[in-house]
Amino acid sequence: MTIDYRRFDRGEAAGLADFLTGETWPFHAGGPESAEDVCRRVADSEYHGDDTETWWILDGGEQIGLIQLTDLGDDAGRCCATATPRSRTTVRPGPIRPERTTTPSATRSSAATGNPDQ
């Protein structure tokens, strides 16, 4: 297994629609989308733009998942990873141990006051 990543291009709207409508996604809210919905969302820049990036997850060149980064202009961007059911048994991410830069009490205090120095 060789995992690679490739940036999604809006010209791949039909391929993305096939990918998303050709699988079941039991862990995603909202139910299945139609191919037309996916293509409309691509046209509306929901998969690419100033604030959003989408990347294919590839295994040996085969598209097995997506990573979508959103709210990139915010201090608290979001990441959503989607993998096909057949790949979920073979693709196992390593442990994620983010470096802590603040203590939990400082985070709560700054969130409550709006002052990051408290």
N, C-alpha and C. Protein backbone atom coordinates (compact mmCIF):
# COMPACT_ATOMS: atom_id res chain seq x y z
N MET A 1 0.84 -1.17 0.00
CA MET A 1 0.00 0.00 0.00
C MET A 1 0.89 1.24 0.00
N THR A 2 0.64 2.14 -0.96
CA THR A 2 1.35 3.40 -1.05
C THR A 2 0.32 4.51 -1.00
N ILE A 3 0.29 5.25 0.10
CA ILE A 3 -0.68 6.33 0.26
C ILE A 3 -0.07 7.64 -0.24
N ASP A 4 -0.80 8.29 -1.12
CA ASP A 4 -0.42 9.60 -1.65
C ASP A 4 -1.63 10.52 -1.57
N TYR A 5 -1.39 11.79 -1.81
CA TYR A 5 -2.43 12.80 -1.78
C TYR A 5 -2.32 13.66 -3.03
N ARG A 6 -3.46 14.03 -3.58
CA ARG A 6 -3.47 14.89 -4.76
C ARG A 6 -4.59 15.90 -4.59
N ARG A 7 -4.27 17.15 -4.84
CA ARG A 7 -5.26 18.22 -4.70
C ARG A 7 -6.41 18.00 -5.69
N PHE A 8 -7.62 18.16 -5.19
CA PHE A 8 -8.82 18.07 -6.02
C PHE A 8 -8.87 19.27 -6.96
N ASP A 9 -9.23 19.03 -8.20
CA ASP A 9 -9.40 20.09 -9.19
C ASP A 9 -10.87 20.15 -9.57
N ARG A 10 -11.41 21.37 -9.68
CA ARG A 10 -12.84 21.51 -9.95
C ARG A 10 -13.26 20.84 -11.26
N GLY A 11 -12.33 20.57 -12.16
CA GLY A 11 -12.64 19.84 -13.39
C GLY A 11 -12.95 18.37 -13.14
N GLU A 12 -12.75 17.93 -11.90
CA GLU A 12 -13.03 16.54 -11.53
C GLU A 12 -14.40 16.38 -10.86
N ALA A 13 -15.30 17.32 -11.10
CA ALA A 13 -16.61 17.30 -10.45
C ALA A 13 -17.35 15.98 -10.70
N ALA A 14 -17.36 15.51 -11.94
CA ALA A 14 -18.07 14.27 -12.26
C ALA A 14 -17.43 13.08 -11.55
N GLY A 15 -16.09 13.06 -11.47
CA GLY A 15 -15.40 11.98 -10.76
C GLY A 15 -15.69 12.01 -9.27
N LEU A 16 -15.75 13.21 -8.70
CA LEU A 16 -16.09 13.34 -7.29
C LEU A 16 -17.53 12.89 -7.05
N ALA A 17 -18.42 13.27 -7.95
CA ALA A 17 -19.82 12.83 -7.83
C ALA A 17 -19.92 11.31 -7.89
N ASP A 18 -19.19 10.69 -8.80
CA ASP A 18 -19.19 9.22 -8.88
C ASP A 18 -18.65 8.61 -7.59
N PHE A 19 -17.58 9.19 -7.07
CA PHE A 19 -16.96 8.68 -5.85
C PHE A 19 -17.93 8.78 -4.67
N LEU A 20 -18.55 9.94 -4.50
CA LEU A 20 -19.42 10.14 -3.34
C LEU A 20 -20.75 9.42 -3.45
N THR A 21 -21.27 9.26 -4.65
CA THR A 21 -22.56 8.58 -4.81
C THR A 21 -22.41 7.07 -5.00
N GLY A 22 -21.19 6.61 -5.26
CA GLY A 22 -20.95 5.19 -5.50
C GLY A 22 -20.64 4.40 -4.24
N GLU A 23 -20.63 5.06 -3.09
CA GLU A 23 -20.31 4.41 -1.82
C GLU A 23 -21.39 4.73 -0.80
N THR A 24 -21.41 3.97 0.27
CA THR A 24 -22.27 4.32 1.41
C THR A 24 -21.39 4.99 2.44
N TRP A 25 -21.90 5.99 3.08
CA TRP A 25 -21.14 6.77 4.05
C TRP A 25 -21.93 6.78 5.37
N PRO A 26 -21.86 5.68 6.13
CA PRO A 26 -22.69 5.56 7.34
C PRO A 26 -22.34 6.55 8.44
N PHE A 27 -21.17 7.15 8.40
CA PHE A 27 -20.76 8.05 9.48
C PHE A 27 -20.93 9.52 9.12
N HIS A 28 -21.61 9.81 8.02
CA HIS A 28 -21.81 11.20 7.59
C HIS A 28 -23.29 11.56 7.71
N ALA A 29 -23.55 12.68 8.32
CA ALA A 29 -24.92 13.16 8.49
C ALA A 29 -25.45 13.71 7.17
N GLY A 30 -26.74 13.75 7.05
CA GLY A 30 -27.35 14.37 5.88
C GLY A 30 -27.79 13.39 4.82
N GLY A 31 -27.42 12.14 4.94
CA GLY A 31 -27.85 11.15 3.96
C GLY A 31 -27.11 11.25 2.64
N PRO A 32 -27.43 10.35 1.72
CA PRO A 32 -26.71 10.33 0.44
C PRO A 32 -27.05 11.55 -0.41
N GLU A 33 -26.07 12.00 -1.16
CA GLU A 33 -26.25 13.12 -2.08
C GLU A 33 -26.43 12.58 -3.49
N SER A 34 -27.07 13.37 -4.32
CA SER A 34 -27.17 13.02 -5.74
C SER A 34 -25.94 13.56 -6.46
N ALA A 35 -25.67 13.02 -7.63
CA ALA A 35 -24.55 13.51 -8.43
C ALA A 35 -24.74 14.99 -8.77
N GLU A 36 -25.98 15.39 -9.01
CA GLU A 36 -26.26 16.79 -9.31
C GLU A 36 -25.92 17.69 -8.12
N ASP A 37 -26.23 17.23 -6.90
CA ASP A 37 -25.91 18.01 -5.69
C ASP A 37 -24.40 18.19 -5.56
N VAL A 38 -23.65 17.13 -5.79
CA VAL A 38 -22.19 17.20 -5.68
C VAL A 38 -21.64 18.18 -6.72
N CYS A 39 -22.09 18.08 -7.95
CA CYS A 39 -21.61 18.99 -9.00
C CYS A 39 -21.98 20.43 -8.71
N ARG A 40 -23.16 20.67 -8.16
CA ARG A 40 -23.57 22.02 -7.77
C ARG A 40 -22.66 22.55 -6.67
N ARG A 41 -22.34 21.70 -5.69
CA ARG A 41 -21.46 22.12 -4.60
C ARG A 41 -20.05 22.43 -5.11
N VAL A 42 -19.57 21.67 -6.09
CA VAL A 42 -18.27 21.97 -6.70
C VAL A 42 -18.34 23.32 -7.40
N ALA A 43 -19.40 23.55 -8.16
CA ALA A 43 -19.55 24.81 -8.88
C ALA A 43 -19.65 25.99 -7.90
N ASP A 44 -20.21 25.74 -6.72
CA ASP A 44 -20.34 26.78 -5.69
C ASP A 44 -19.08 26.93 -4.84
N SER A 45 -18.00 26.28 -5.26
CA SER A 45 -16.69 26.36 -4.58
C SER A 45 -16.69 25.80 -3.17
N GLU A 46 -17.53 24.80 -2.90
CA GLU A 46 -17.53 24.19 -1.57
C GLU A 46 -16.40 23.18 -1.39
N TYR A 47 -15.69 22.84 -2.46
CA TYR A 47 -14.58 21.90 -2.36
C TYR A 47 -13.23 22.56 -2.64
N HIS A 48 -13.25 23.83 -2.99
CA HIS A 48 -12.01 24.54 -3.30
C HIS A 48 -12.30 26.02 -3.23
N GLY A 49 -11.31 26.80 -2.92
CA GLY A 49 -11.50 28.24 -2.85
C GLY A 49 -10.53 28.85 -1.87
N ASP A 50 -10.75 30.11 -1.56
CA ASP A 50 -9.86 30.82 -0.65
C ASP A 50 -9.84 30.20 0.74
N ASP A 51 -10.96 29.65 1.16
CA ASP A 51 -11.13 29.17 2.52
C ASP A 51 -11.18 27.64 2.63
N THR A 52 -11.13 26.94 1.49
CA THR A 52 -11.33 25.49 1.48
C THR A 52 -10.37 24.82 0.51
N GLU A 53 -9.82 23.68 0.93
CA GLU A 53 -9.02 22.82 0.04
C GLU A 53 -9.52 21.39 0.20
N THR A 54 -9.52 20.66 -0.88
CA THR A 54 -9.88 19.25 -0.84
C THR A 54 -8.78 18.46 -1.53
N TRP A 55 -8.42 17.35 -0.92
CA TRP A 55 -7.35 16.48 -1.43
C TRP A 55 -7.87 15.07 -1.55
N TRP A 56 -7.53 14.40 -2.65
CA TRP A 56 -7.81 12.98 -2.79
C TRP A 56 -6.81 12.20 -1.96
N ILE A 57 -7.25 11.13 -1.34
CA ILE A 57 -6.36 10.14 -0.72
C ILE A 57 -6.25 9.02 -1.73
N LEU A 58 -5.03 8.69 -2.12
CA LEU A 58 -4.80 7.68 -3.15
C LEU A 58 -4.03 6.50 -2.57
N ASP A 59 -4.43 5.31 -2.94
CA ASP A 59 -3.70 4.10 -2.60
C ASP A 59 -3.28 3.46 -3.91
N GLY A 60 -1.99 3.55 -4.22
CA GLY A 60 -1.51 3.01 -5.50
C GLY A 60 -2.17 3.67 -6.69
N GLY A 61 -2.54 4.94 -6.56
CA GLY A 61 -3.19 5.68 -7.63
C GLY A 61 -4.70 5.62 -7.60
N GLU A 62 -5.29 4.70 -6.82
CA GLU A 62 -6.75 4.58 -6.73
C GLU A 62 -7.28 5.55 -5.68
N GLN A 63 -8.35 6.26 -6.03
CA GLN A 63 -8.97 7.20 -5.10
C GLN A 63 -9.74 6.41 -4.03
N ILE A 64 -9.24 6.52 -2.79
CA ILE A 64 -9.89 5.78 -1.70
C ILE A 64 -10.48 6.70 -0.63
N GLY A 65 -10.27 8.01 -0.78
CA GLY A 65 -10.81 8.91 0.23
C GLY A 65 -10.55 10.36 -0.11
N LEU A 66 -11.05 11.22 0.77
CA LEU A 66 -10.90 12.66 0.63
C LEU A 66 -10.49 13.26 1.95
N ILE A 67 -9.75 14.33 1.88
CA ILE A 67 -9.49 15.17 3.04
C ILE A 67 -9.95 16.56 2.64
N GLN A 68 -10.84 17.13 3.45
CA GLN A 68 -11.31 18.48 3.16
C GLN A 68 -10.92 19.39 4.32
N LEU A 69 -10.22 20.46 3.99
CA LEU A 69 -9.81 21.47 4.95
C LEU A 69 -10.70 22.69 4.73
N THR A 70 -11.39 23.12 5.78
CA THR A 70 -12.30 24.25 5.64
C THR A 70 -12.00 25.32 6.69
N ASP A 71 -12.57 26.47 6.49
CA ASP A 71 -12.37 27.61 7.40
C ASP A 71 -10.89 27.95 7.54
N LEU A 72 -10.16 27.90 6.43
CA LEU A 72 -8.72 28.12 6.49
C LEU A 72 -8.36 29.56 6.84
N GLY A 73 -9.28 30.48 6.68
CA GLY A 73 -9.02 31.85 7.05
C GLY A 73 -9.21 32.12 8.53
N ASP A 74 -9.77 31.15 9.25
CA ASP A 74 -10.00 31.29 10.69
C ASP A 74 -8.82 30.75 11.47
N ASP A 75 -8.74 31.12 12.72
CA ASP A 75 -7.71 30.55 13.60
C ASP A 75 -7.99 29.10 13.94
N ALA A 76 -9.22 28.67 13.73
CA ALA A 76 -9.61 27.30 14.08
C ALA A 76 -10.20 26.61 12.84
N GLY A 77 -9.36 26.34 11.86
CA GLY A 77 -9.81 25.63 10.66
C GLY A 77 -10.27 24.22 11.01
N ARG A 78 -10.97 23.60 10.08
CA ARG A 78 -11.49 22.26 10.32
C ARG A 78 -10.97 21.29 9.25
N CYS A 79 -10.95 20.03 9.63
CA CYS A 79 -10.51 18.97 8.72
C CYS A 79 -11.51 17.83 8.79
N CYS A 80 -11.89 17.34 7.63
CA CYS A 80 -12.79 16.18 7.55
C CYS A 80 -12.14 15.17 6.61
N ALA A 81 -11.96 13.95 7.10
CA ALA A 81 -11.40 12.88 6.27
C ALA A 81 -12.48 11.84 6.02
N THR A 82 -12.57 11.41 4.78
CA THR A 82 -13.55 10.42 4.36
C THR A 82 -12.82 9.31 3.63
N ALA A 83 -13.03 8.07 4.05
CA ALA A 83 -12.40 6.92 3.38
C ALA A 83 -13.47 5.92 2.97
N THR A 84 -13.25 5.27 1.84
CA THR A 84 -14.21 4.28 1.36
C THR A 84 -14.30 3.12 2.36
N PRO A 85 -15.46 2.46 2.42
CA PRO A 85 -15.60 1.33 3.35
C PRO A 85 -14.53 0.25 3.15
N ARG A 86 -14.17 -0.03 1.91
CA ARG A 86 -13.19 -1.09 1.68
C ARG A 86 -11.79 -0.70 2.15
N SER A 87 -11.51 0.60 2.24
CA SER A 87 -10.18 1.03 2.68
C SER A 87 -10.10 1.21 4.18
N ARG A 88 -11.21 1.25 4.87
CA ARG A 88 -11.19 1.52 6.31
C ARG A 88 -10.48 0.42 7.09
N THR A 89 -10.40 -0.76 6.54
CA THR A 89 -9.71 -1.83 7.25
C THR A 89 -8.21 -1.84 6.97
N THR A 90 -7.78 -1.12 5.95
CA THR A 90 -6.35 -1.13 5.62
C THR A 90 -5.65 0.19 5.92
N VAL A 91 -6.38 1.28 5.90
CA VAL A 91 -5.77 2.58 6.17
C VAL A 91 -5.99 2.92 7.63
N ARG A 92 -4.92 2.94 8.37
CA ARG A 92 -4.97 3.25 9.80
C ARG A 92 -4.05 4.43 10.07
N PRO A 93 -4.62 5.56 10.46
CA PRO A 93 -3.75 6.70 10.76
C PRO A 93 -2.96 6.44 12.03
N GLY A 94 -1.79 7.02 12.10
CA GLY A 94 -0.98 6.93 13.31
C GLY A 94 -1.58 7.82 14.38
N PRO A 95 -1.05 7.71 15.58
CA PRO A 95 -1.58 8.55 16.66
C PRO A 95 -1.29 10.02 16.38
N ILE A 96 -2.26 10.85 16.73
CA ILE A 96 -2.10 12.28 16.57
C ILE A 96 -1.85 12.87 17.95
N ARG A 97 -0.72 13.49 18.11
CA ARG A 97 -0.37 14.09 19.39
C ARG A 97 -0.02 15.55 19.15
N PRO A 98 -1.04 16.40 19.12
CA PRO A 98 -0.73 17.81 18.85
C PRO A 98 0.09 18.41 19.98
N GLU A 99 0.97 19.31 19.61
CA GLU A 99 1.80 19.98 20.60
C GLU A 99 0.92 20.98 21.35
N ARG A 100 0.90 20.88 22.64
CA ARG A 100 0.08 21.77 23.44
C ARG A 100 0.85 23.07 23.66
N THR A 101 0.21 24.18 23.32
CA THR A 101 0.87 25.47 23.49
C THR A 101 0.26 26.27 24.63
N THR A 102 -0.89 25.85 25.11
CA THR A 102 -1.51 26.53 26.24
C THR A 102 -2.05 25.49 27.19
N THR A 103 -2.24 25.88 28.41
CA THR A 103 -2.84 24.98 29.38
C THR A 103 -4.35 25.05 29.24
N PRO A 104 -5.07 24.00 29.62
CA PRO A 104 -6.53 24.05 29.52
C PRO A 104 -7.14 25.23 30.27
N SER A 105 -6.60 25.58 31.46
CA SER A 105 -7.18 26.70 32.21
C SER A 105 -6.96 28.02 31.47
N ALA A 106 -5.81 28.17 30.83
CA ALA A 106 -5.55 29.40 30.07
C ALA A 106 -6.48 29.48 28.88
N THR A 107 -6.75 28.34 28.24
CA THR A 107 -7.65 28.32 27.10
C THR A 107 -9.05 28.72 27.53
N ARG A 108 -9.53 28.15 28.63
CA ARG A 108 -10.87 28.51 29.11
C ARG A 108 -10.92 29.97 29.48
N SER A 109 -9.90 30.48 30.14
CA SER A 109 -9.89 31.86 30.56
C SER A 109 -9.90 32.81 29.36
N SER A 110 -9.06 32.53 28.36
CA SER A 110 -9.02 33.43 27.20
C SER A 110 -10.30 33.33 26.40
N ALA A 111 -10.92 32.15 26.38
CA ALA A 111 -12.18 32.01 25.65
C ALA A 111 -13.29 32.79 26.34
N ALA A 112 -13.27 32.80 27.67
CA ALA A 112 -14.31 33.49 28.41
C ALA A 112 -14.13 35.01 28.35
N THR A 113 -12.91 35.49 28.34
CA THR A 113 -12.67 36.93 28.39
C THR A 113 -12.40 37.54 27.04
N GLY A 114 -12.03 36.70 26.06
CA GLY A 114 -11.65 37.22 24.75
C GLY A 114 -10.24 37.76 24.73
N ASN A 115 -9.50 37.64 25.84
CA ASN A 115 -8.14 38.13 25.94
C ASN A 115 -7.18 36.96 25.97
N PRO A 116 -6.40 36.73 24.92
CA PRO A 116 -5.51 35.57 24.88
C PRO A 116 -4.37 35.65 25.89
N ASP A 117 -4.15 36.84 26.51
CA ASP A 117 -3.06 36.97 27.47
C ASP A 117 -3.49 36.56 28.87
N GLN A 118 -4.74 36.24 29.07
CA GLN A 118 -5.20 35.84 30.40
C GLN A 118 -5.27 34.34 30.50
